[in-house]
């Protein structure tokens, strides 16, 4: 929420799980080796299709995608690490 908060709810009490529906799709892209551009495009898709916001630019979401790619995410022995 500090880097990507399209609904601007990070300061709202009880909003910690607001983006939980996005985790599976982002996780899948990260572990499959999606590029920063692909992840940024997915973020824009979520914003427009899931929340009906005006279409953002993929280039504006690249810093968030870069941060996500920097996370140490993987699968080992069938468990997320």
PDB file of N, CA and C in Angstrom:
ATOM      1  N   UNK A   1       0.815  -1.204   0.000  1.00  0.00           N
ATOM      2  CA  UNK A   1       0.000   0.000   0.000  1.00  0.00           C
ATOM      3  C   UNK A   1       0.853   1.260   0.000  1.00  0.00           C
ATOM      4  N   UNK A   2       2.080   1.150   0.433  1.00  0.00           N
ATOM      5  CA  UNK A   2       2.926   2.345   0.434  1.00  0.00           C
ATOM      6  C   UNK A   2       3.335   2.744  -0.981  1.00  0.00           C
ATOM      7  N   UNK A   3       3.458   1.771  -1.864  1.00  0.00           N
ATOM      8  CA  UNK A   3       3.898   2.070  -3.221  1.00  0.00           C
ATOM      9  C   UNK A   3       2.768   2.018  -4.246  1.00  0.00           C
ATOM     10  N   UNK A   4       1.758   1.243  -3.967  1.00  0.00           N
ATOM     11  CA  UNK A   4       0.645   1.095  -4.921  1.00  0.00           C
ATOM     12  C   UNK A   4      -0.650   1.073  -4.132  1.00  0.00           C
ATOM     13  N   UNK A   5      -1.379   2.142  -4.200  1.00  0.00           N
ATOM     14  CA  UNK A   5      -2.640   2.281  -3.476  1.00  0.00           C
ATOM     15  C   UNK A   5      -3.635   3.021  -4.362  1.00  0.00           C
ATOM     16  N   UNK A   6      -4.069   2.372  -5.445  1.00  0.00           N
ATOM     17  CA  UNK A   6      -4.940   3.047  -6.396  1.00  0.00           C
ATOM     18  C   UNK A   6      -6.273   3.501  -5.802  1.00  0.00           C
ATOM     19  N   UNK A   7      -6.717   2.863  -4.750  1.00  0.00           N
ATOM     20  CA  UNK A   7      -7.980   3.255  -4.122  1.00  0.00           C
ATOM     21  C   UNK A   7      -7.788   4.270  -3.001  1.00  0.00           C
ATOM     22  N   UNK A   8      -6.538   4.581  -2.713  1.00  0.00           N
ATOM     23  CA  UNK A   8      -6.184   5.561  -1.677  1.00  0.00           C
ATOM     24  C   UNK A   8      -6.827   5.230  -0.332  1.00  0.00           C
ATOM     25  N   UNK A   9      -6.582   4.007   0.114  1.00  0.00           N
ATOM     26  CA  UNK A   9      -7.185   3.553   1.372  1.00  0.00           C
ATOM     27  C   UNK A   9      -6.160   3.216   2.450  1.00  0.00           C
ATOM     28  N   UNK A  10      -4.885   3.477   2.192  1.00  0.00           N
ATOM     29  CA  UNK A  10      -3.855   3.042   3.139  1.00  0.00           C
ATOM     30  C   UNK A  10      -4.029   3.629   4.540  1.00  0.00           C
ATOM     31  N   UNK A  11      -4.656   4.767   4.653  1.00  0.00           N
ATOM     32  CA  UNK A  11      -4.855   5.384   5.965  1.00  0.00           C
ATOM     33  C   UNK A  11      -6.216   5.053   6.577  1.00  0.00           C
ATOM     34  N   UNK A  12      -6.975   4.215   5.893  1.00  0.00           N
ATOM     35  CA  UNK A  12      -8.300   3.840   6.393  1.00  0.00           C
ATOM     36  C   UNK A  12      -8.188   2.651   7.353  1.00  0.00           C
ATOM     37  N   UNK A  13      -8.779   2.759   8.528  1.00  0.00           N
ATOM     38  CA  UNK A  13      -8.783   1.621   9.445  1.00  0.00           C
ATOM     39  C   UNK A  13      -9.507   0.430   8.801  1.00  0.00           C
ATOM     40  N   UNK A  14      -8.951  -0.726   8.936  1.00  0.00           N
ATOM     41  CA  UNK A  14      -9.577  -1.925   8.407  1.00  0.00           C
ATOM     42  C   UNK A  14      -9.362  -2.168   6.929  1.00  0.00           C
ATOM     43  N   UNK A  15      -8.514  -1.391   6.287  1.00  0.00           N
ATOM     44  CA  UNK A  15      -8.305  -1.553   4.847  1.00  0.00           C
ATOM     45  C   UNK A  15      -7.082  -2.399   4.518  1.00  0.00           C
ATOM     46  N   UNK A  16      -6.484  -3.020   5.503  1.00  0.00           N
ATOM     47  CA  UNK A  16      -5.243  -3.771   5.283  1.00  0.00           C
ATOM     48  C   UNK A  16      -5.405  -4.889   4.264  1.00  0.00           C
ATOM     49  N   UNK A  17      -6.604  -5.438   4.128  1.00  0.00           N
ATOM     50  CA  UNK A  17      -6.815  -6.548   3.194  1.00  0.00           C
ATOM     51  C   UNK A  17      -7.492  -6.108   1.899  1.00  0.00           C
ATOM     52  N   UNK A  18      -7.546  -4.818   1.658  1.00  0.00           N
ATOM     53  CA  UNK A  18      -8.266  -4.282   0.499  1.00  0.00           C
ATOM     54  C   UNK A  18      -7.784  -4.862  -0.827  1.00  0.00           C
ATOM     55  N   UNK A  19      -6.505  -5.156  -0.931  1.00  0.00           N
ATOM     56  CA  UNK A  19      -5.939  -5.631  -2.190  1.00  0.00           C
ATOM     57  C   UNK A  19      -5.634  -7.129  -2.177  1.00  0.00           C
ATOM     58  N   UNK A  20      -6.165  -7.841  -1.204  1.00  0.00           N
ATOM     59  CA  UNK A  20      -5.854  -9.266  -1.084  1.00  0.00           C
ATOM     60  C   UNK A  20      -6.294 -10.079  -2.308  1.00  0.00           C
ATOM     61  N   UNK A  21      -7.315  -9.633  -3.021  1.00  0.00           N
ATOM     62  CA  UNK A  21      -7.751 -10.339  -4.227  1.00  0.00           C
ATOM     63  C   UNK A  21      -6.715 -10.264  -5.345  1.00  0.00           C
ATOM     64  N   UNK A  22      -5.772  -9.360  -5.224  1.00  0.00           N
ATOM     65  CA  UNK A  22      -4.745  -9.168  -6.263  1.00  0.00           C
ATOM     66  C   UNK A  22      -3.526 -10.054  -6.058  1.00  0.00           C
ATOM     67  N   UNK A  23      -3.349 -10.575  -4.868  1.00  0.00           N
ATOM     68  CA  UNK A  23      -2.115 -11.267  -4.515  1.00  0.00           C
ATOM     69  C   UNK A  23      -1.860 -12.487  -5.384  1.00  0.00           C
ATOM     70  N   UNK A  24      -2.850 -13.315  -5.594  1.00  0.00           N
ATOM     71  CA  UNK A  24      -2.637 -14.549  -6.356  1.00  0.00           C
ATOM     72  C   UNK A  24      -2.147 -14.269  -7.775  1.00  0.00           C
ATOM     73  N   UNK A  25      -2.774 -13.333  -8.451  1.00  0.00           N
ATOM     74  CA  UNK A  25      -2.365 -13.011  -9.813  1.00  0.00           C
ATOM     75  C   UNK A  25      -0.973 -12.411  -9.879  1.00  0.00           C
ATOM     76  N   UNK A  26      -0.654 -11.552  -8.935  1.00  0.00           N
ATOM     77  CA  UNK A  26       0.687 -10.966  -8.902  1.00  0.00           C
ATOM     78  C   UNK A  26       1.726 -12.026  -8.558  1.00  0.00           C
ATOM     79  N   UNK A  27       1.413 -12.860  -7.586  1.00  0.00           N
ATOM     80  CA  UNK A  27       2.331 -13.936  -7.196  1.00  0.00           C
ATOM     81  C   UNK A  27       2.623 -14.848  -8.384  1.00  0.00           C
ATOM     82  N   UNK A  28       1.591 -15.235  -9.086  1.00  0.00           N
ATOM     83  CA  UNK A  28       1.752 -16.118 -10.245  1.00  0.00           C
ATOM     84  C   UNK A  28       2.682 -15.483 -11.283  1.00  0.00           C
ATOM     85  N   UNK A  29       2.492 -14.221 -11.531  1.00  0.00           N
ATOM     86  CA  UNK A  29       3.353 -13.540 -12.506  1.00  0.00           C
ATOM     87  C   UNK A  29       4.787 -13.451 -12.020  1.00  0.00           C
ATOM     88  N   UNK A  30       4.977 -13.181 -10.745  1.00  0.00           N
ATOM     89  CA  UNK A  30       6.328 -13.062 -10.207  1.00  0.00           C
ATOM     90  C   UNK A  30       7.087 -14.385 -10.266  1.00  0.00           C
ATOM     91  N   UNK A  31       6.458 -15.469  -9.833  1.00  0.00           N
ATOM     92  CA  UNK A  31       7.169 -16.755  -9.828  1.00  0.00           C
ATOM     93  C   UNK A  31       7.357 -17.317 -11.231  1.00  0.00           C
ATOM     94  N   UNK A  32       6.550 -16.852 -12.182  1.00  0.00           N
ATOM     95  CA  UNK A  32       6.711 -17.342 -13.557  1.00  0.00           C
ATOM     96  C   UNK A  32       7.725 -16.510 -14.343  1.00  0.00           C
ATOM     97  N   UNK A  33       8.270 -15.475 -13.696  1.00  0.00           N
ATOM     98  CA  UNK A  33       9.303 -14.686 -14.347  1.00  0.00           C
ATOM     99  C   UNK A  33       8.802 -13.582 -15.251  1.00  0.00           C
ATOM    100  N   UNK A  34       7.601 -13.090 -15.010  1.00  0.00           N
ATOM    101  CA  UNK A  34       7.056 -12.004 -15.828  1.00  0.00           C
ATOM    102  C   UNK A  34       7.985 -10.795 -15.766  1.00  0.00           C
ATOM    103  N   UNK A  35       8.024 -10.056 -16.839  1.00  0.00           N
ATOM    104  CA  UNK A  35       8.860  -8.858 -16.902  1.00  0.00           C
ATOM    105  C   UNK A  35       8.225  -7.728 -16.095  1.00  0.00           C
ATOM    106  N   UNK A  36       9.018  -6.706 -15.840  1.00  0.00           N
ATOM    107  CA  UNK A  36       8.483  -5.525 -15.151  1.00  0.00           C
ATOM    108  C   UNK A  36       7.326  -4.922 -15.932  1.00  0.00           C
ATOM    109  N   UNK A  37       7.449  -4.892 -17.244  1.00  0.00           N
ATOM    110  CA  UNK A  37       6.378  -4.337 -18.079  1.00  0.00           C
ATOM    111  C   UNK A  37       5.103  -5.161 -17.974  1.00  0.00           C
ATOM    112  N   UNK A  38       5.239  -6.477 -17.927  1.00  0.00           N
ATOM    113  CA  UNK A  38       4.061  -7.353 -17.808  1.00  0.00           C
ATOM    114  C   UNK A  38       3.378  -7.152 -16.462  1.00  0.00           C
ATOM    115  N   UNK A  39       4.166  -7.016 -15.416  1.00  0.00           N
ATOM    116  CA  UNK A  39       3.594  -6.808 -14.085  1.00  0.00           C
ATOM    117  C   UNK A  39       2.928  -5.432 -14.013  1.00  0.00           C
ATOM    118  N   UNK A  40       3.584  -4.427 -14.561  1.00  0.00           N
ATOM    119  CA  UNK A  40       3.005  -3.076 -14.581  1.00  0.00           C
ATOM    120  C   UNK A  40       1.695  -3.067 -15.359  1.00  0.00           C
ATOM    121  N   UNK A  41       1.648  -3.779 -16.482  1.00  0.00           N
ATOM    122  CA  UNK A  41       0.417  -3.858 -17.274  1.00  0.00           C
ATOM    123  C   UNK A  41      -0.686  -4.549 -16.482  1.00  0.00           C
ATOM    124  N   UNK A  42      -0.329  -5.557 -15.700  1.00  0.00           N
ATOM    125  CA  UNK A  42      -1.318  -6.240 -14.867  1.00  0.00           C
ATOM    126  C   UNK A  42      -1.870  -5.293 -13.799  1.00  0.00           C
ATOM    127  N   UNK A  43      -1.025  -4.466 -13.218  1.00  0.00           N
ATOM    128  CA  UNK A  43      -1.492  -3.490 -12.230  1.00  0.00           C
ATOM    129  C   UNK A  43      -2.493  -2.524 -12.855  1.00  0.00           C
ATOM    130  N   UNK A  44      -2.183  -2.054 -14.052  1.00  0.00           N
ATOM    131  CA  UNK A  44      -3.105  -1.154 -14.755  1.00  0.00           C
ATOM    132  C   UNK A  44      -4.418  -1.876 -15.049  1.00  0.00           C
ATOM    133  N   UNK A  45      -4.319  -3.132 -15.448  1.00  0.00           N
ATOM    134  CA  UNK A  45      -5.520  -3.935 -15.725  1.00  0.00           C
ATOM    135  C   UNK A  45      -6.382  -4.067 -14.467  1.00  0.00           C
ATOM    136  N   UNK A  46      -5.752  -4.321 -13.328  1.00  0.00           N
ATOM    137  CA  UNK A  46      -6.502  -4.412 -12.074  1.00  0.00           C
ATOM    138  C   UNK A  46      -7.218  -3.102 -11.777  1.00  0.00           C
ATOM    139  N   UNK A  47      -6.504  -2.009 -11.952  1.00  0.00           N
ATOM    140  CA  UNK A  47      -7.088  -0.697 -11.663  1.00  0.00           C
ATOM    141  C   UNK A  47      -8.311  -0.416 -12.528  1.00  0.00           C
ATOM    142  N   UNK A  48      -8.236  -0.771 -13.790  1.00  0.00           N
ATOM    143  CA  UNK A  48      -9.329  -0.443 -14.705  1.00  0.00           C
ATOM    144  C   UNK A  48     -10.457  -1.467 -14.665  1.00  0.00           C
ATOM    145  N   UNK A  49     -10.103  -2.744 -14.660  1.00  0.00           N
ATOM    146  CA  UNK A  49     -11.142  -3.774 -14.751  1.00  0.00           C
ATOM    147  C   UNK A  49     -11.737  -4.146 -13.406  1.00  0.00           C
ATOM    148  N   UNK A  50     -10.932  -4.155 -12.368  1.00  0.00           N
ATOM    149  CA  UNK A  50     -11.439  -4.559 -11.056  1.00  0.00           C
ATOM    150  C   UNK A  50     -12.112  -3.388 -10.328  1.00  0.00           C
ATOM    151  N   UNK A  51     -11.525  -2.202 -10.466  1.00  0.00           N
ATOM    152  CA  UNK A  51     -12.037  -1.064  -9.714  1.00  0.00           C
ATOM    153  C   UNK A  51     -12.631   0.030 -10.589  1.00  0.00           C
ATOM    154  N   UNK A  52     -12.623  -0.139 -11.904  1.00  0.00           N
ATOM    155  CA  UNK A  52     -13.253   0.813 -12.797  1.00  0.00           C
ATOM    156  C   UNK A  52     -12.616   2.190 -12.846  1.00  0.00           C
ATOM    157  N   UNK A  53     -11.335   2.251 -12.566  1.00  0.00           N
ATOM    158  CA  UNK A  53     -10.648   3.535 -12.615  1.00  0.00           C
ATOM    159  C   UNK A  53     -10.228   3.861 -14.040  1.00  0.00           C
ATOM    160  N   UNK A  54      -9.939   5.116 -14.257  1.00  0.00           N
ATOM    161  CA  UNK A  54      -9.429   5.538 -15.562  1.00  0.00           C
ATOM    162  C   UNK A  54      -8.109   4.826 -15.822  1.00  0.00           C
ATOM    163  N   UNK A  55      -7.879   4.481 -17.063  1.00  0.00           N
ATOM    164  CA  UNK A  55      -6.677   3.736 -17.427  1.00  0.00           C
ATOM    165  C   UNK A  55      -5.428   4.545 -17.118  1.00  0.00           C
ATOM    166  N   UNK A  56      -4.569   3.941 -16.305  1.00  0.00           N
ATOM    167  CA  UNK A  56      -3.273   4.545 -16.027  1.00  0.00           C
ATOM    168  C   UNK A  56      -2.274   4.115 -17.085  1.00  0.00           C
ATOM    169  N   UNK A  57      -1.095   4.651 -16.996  1.00  0.00           N
ATOM    170  CA  UNK A  57      -0.058   4.291 -17.954  1.00  0.00           C
ATOM    171  C   UNK A  57       0.850   3.225 -17.356  1.00  0.00           C
ATOM    172  N   UNK A  58       1.182   2.254 -18.176  1.00  0.00           N
ATOM    173  CA  UNK A  58       2.067   1.176 -17.737  1.00  0.00           C
ATOM    174  C   UNK A  58       3.392   1.756 -17.245  1.00  0.00           C
ATOM    175  N   UNK A  59       3.904   2.747 -17.933  1.00  0.00           N
ATOM    176  CA  UNK A  59       5.189   3.323 -17.524  1.00  0.00           C
ATOM    177  C   UNK A  59       5.132   3.929 -16.122  1.00  0.00           C
ATOM    178  N   UNK A  60       3.960   4.396 -15.711  1.00  0.00           N
ATOM    179  CA  UNK A  60       3.816   4.945 -14.361  1.00  0.00           C
ATOM    180  C   UNK A  60       3.831   3.852 -13.292  1.00  0.00           C
ATOM    181  N   UNK A  61       3.546   2.618 -13.697  1.00  0.00           N
ATOM    182  CA  UNK A  61       3.512   1.506 -12.739  1.00  0.00           C
ATOM    183  C   UNK A  61       4.828   0.726 -12.709  1.00  0.00           C
ATOM    184  N   UNK A  62       5.774   1.082 -13.545  1.00  0.00           N
ATOM    185  CA  UNK A  62       7.054   0.364 -13.584  1.00  0.00           C
ATOM    186  C   UNK A  62       7.816   0.415 -12.262  1.00  0.00           C
ATOM    187  N   UNK A  63       7.844   1.528 -11.531  1.00  0.00           N
ATOM    188  CA  UNK A  63       8.533   1.510 -10.235  1.00  0.00           C
ATOM    189  C   UNK A  63       7.935   0.494  -9.261  1.00  0.00           C
ATOM    190  N   UNK A  64       6.622   0.358  -9.253  1.00  0.00           N
ATOM    191  CA  UNK A  64       5.973  -0.629  -8.382  1.00  0.00           C
ATOM    192  C   UNK A  64       6.339  -2.032  -8.843  1.00  0.00           C
ATOM    193  N   UNK A  65       6.295  -2.267 -10.145  1.00  0.00           N
ATOM    194  CA  UNK A  65       6.657  -3.571 -10.691  1.00  0.00           C
ATOM    195  C   UNK A  65       8.103  -3.906 -10.346  1.00  0.00           C
ATOM    196  N   UNK A  66       8.976  -2.934 -10.414  1.00  0.00           N
ATOM    197  CA  UNK A  66      10.396  -3.128 -10.079  1.00  0.00           C
ATOM    198  C   UNK A  66      10.530  -3.534  -8.613  1.00  0.00           C
ATOM    199  N   UNK A  67       9.792  -2.879  -7.733  1.00  0.00           N
ATOM    200  CA  UNK A  67       9.826  -3.230  -6.305  1.00  0.00           C
ATOM    201  C   UNK A  67       9.310  -4.640  -6.075  1.00  0.00           C
ATOM    202  N   UNK A  68       8.243  -5.003  -6.762  1.00  0.00           N
ATOM    203  CA  UNK A  68       7.697  -6.351  -6.615  1.00  0.00           C
ATOM    204  C   UNK A  68       8.696  -7.399  -7.095  1.00  0.00           C
ATOM    205  N   UNK A  69       9.363  -7.132  -8.216  1.00  0.00           N
ATOM    206  CA  UNK A  69      10.343  -8.074  -8.747  1.00  0.00           C
ATOM    207  C   UNK A  69      11.537  -8.221  -7.813  1.00  0.00           C
ATOM    208  N   UNK A  70      11.812  -7.208  -6.999  1.00  0.00           N
ATOM    209  CA  UNK A  70      12.944  -7.257  -6.073  1.00  0.00           C
ATOM    210  C   UNK A  70      12.659  -8.127  -4.848  1.00  0.00           C
ATOM    211  N   UNK A  71      11.390  -8.446  -4.619  1.00  0.00           N
ATOM    212  CA  UNK A  71      11.036  -9.315  -3.498  1.00  0.00           C
ATOM    213  C   UNK A  71      11.579 -10.715  -3.744  1.00  0.00           C
ATOM    214  N   UNK A  72      11.983 -11.365  -2.691  1.00  0.00           N
ATOM    215  CA  UNK A  72      12.478 -12.734  -2.826  1.00  0.00           C
ATOM    216  C   UNK A  72      11.282 -13.676  -2.711  1.00  0.00           C
ATOM    217  N   UNK A  73      10.684 -13.966  -3.873  1.00  0.00           N
ATOM    218  CA  UNK A  73       9.508 -14.820  -3.927  1.00  0.00           C
ATOM    219  C   UNK A  73       9.849 -16.047  -4.742  1.00  0.00           C
ATOM    220  N   UNK A  74       9.464 -17.185  -4.250  1.00  0.00           N
ATOM    221  CA  UNK A  74       9.707 -18.401  -4.992  1.00  0.00           C
ATOM    222  C   UNK A  74       8.932 -19.558  -4.407  1.00  0.00           C
ATOM    223  N   UNK A  75       9.112 -20.682  -5.013  1.00  0.00           N
ATOM    224  CA  UNK A  75       8.466 -21.889  -4.523  1.00  0.00           C
ATOM    225  C   UNK A  75       9.555 -22.924  -4.287  1.00  0.00           C
ATOM    226  N   UNK A  76       9.534 -23.505  -3.089  1.00  0.00           N
ATOM    227  CA  UNK A  76      10.498 -24.546  -2.760  1.00  0.00           C
ATOM    228  C   UNK A  76       9.757 -25.652  -2.027  1.00  0.00           C
ATOM    229  N   UNK A  77       9.895 -26.834  -2.496  1.00  0.00           N
ATOM    230  CA  UNK A  77       9.218 -27.988  -1.887  1.00  0.00           C
ATOM    231  C   UNK A  77       7.711 -27.786  -1.796  1.00  0.00           C
ATOM    232  N   UNK A  78       7.150 -27.114  -2.789  1.00  0.00           N
ATOM    233  CA  UNK A  78       5.704 -26.925  -2.839  1.00  0.00           C
ATOM    234  C   UNK A  78       5.192 -25.821  -1.933  1.00  0.00           C
ATOM    235  N   UNK A  79       6.081 -25.117  -1.237  1.00  0.00           N
ATOM    236  CA  UNK A  79       5.662 -24.059  -0.335  1.00  0.00           C
ATOM    237  C   UNK A  79       6.211 -22.742  -0.812  1.00  0.00           C
ATOM    238  N   UNK A  80       5.438 -21.703  -0.648  1.00  0.00           N
ATOM    239  CA  UNK A  80       5.928 -20.366  -1.015  1.00  0.00           C
ATOM    240  C   UNK A  80       7.020 -19.963  -0.046  1.00  0.00           C
ATOM    241  N   UNK A  81       8.042 -19.306  -0.564  1.00  0.00           N
ATOM    242  CA  UNK A  81       9.128 -18.834   0.297  1.00  0.00           C
ATOM    243  C   UNK A  81       9.288 -17.342   0.132  1.00  0.00           C
TER     244      UNK A  81
END
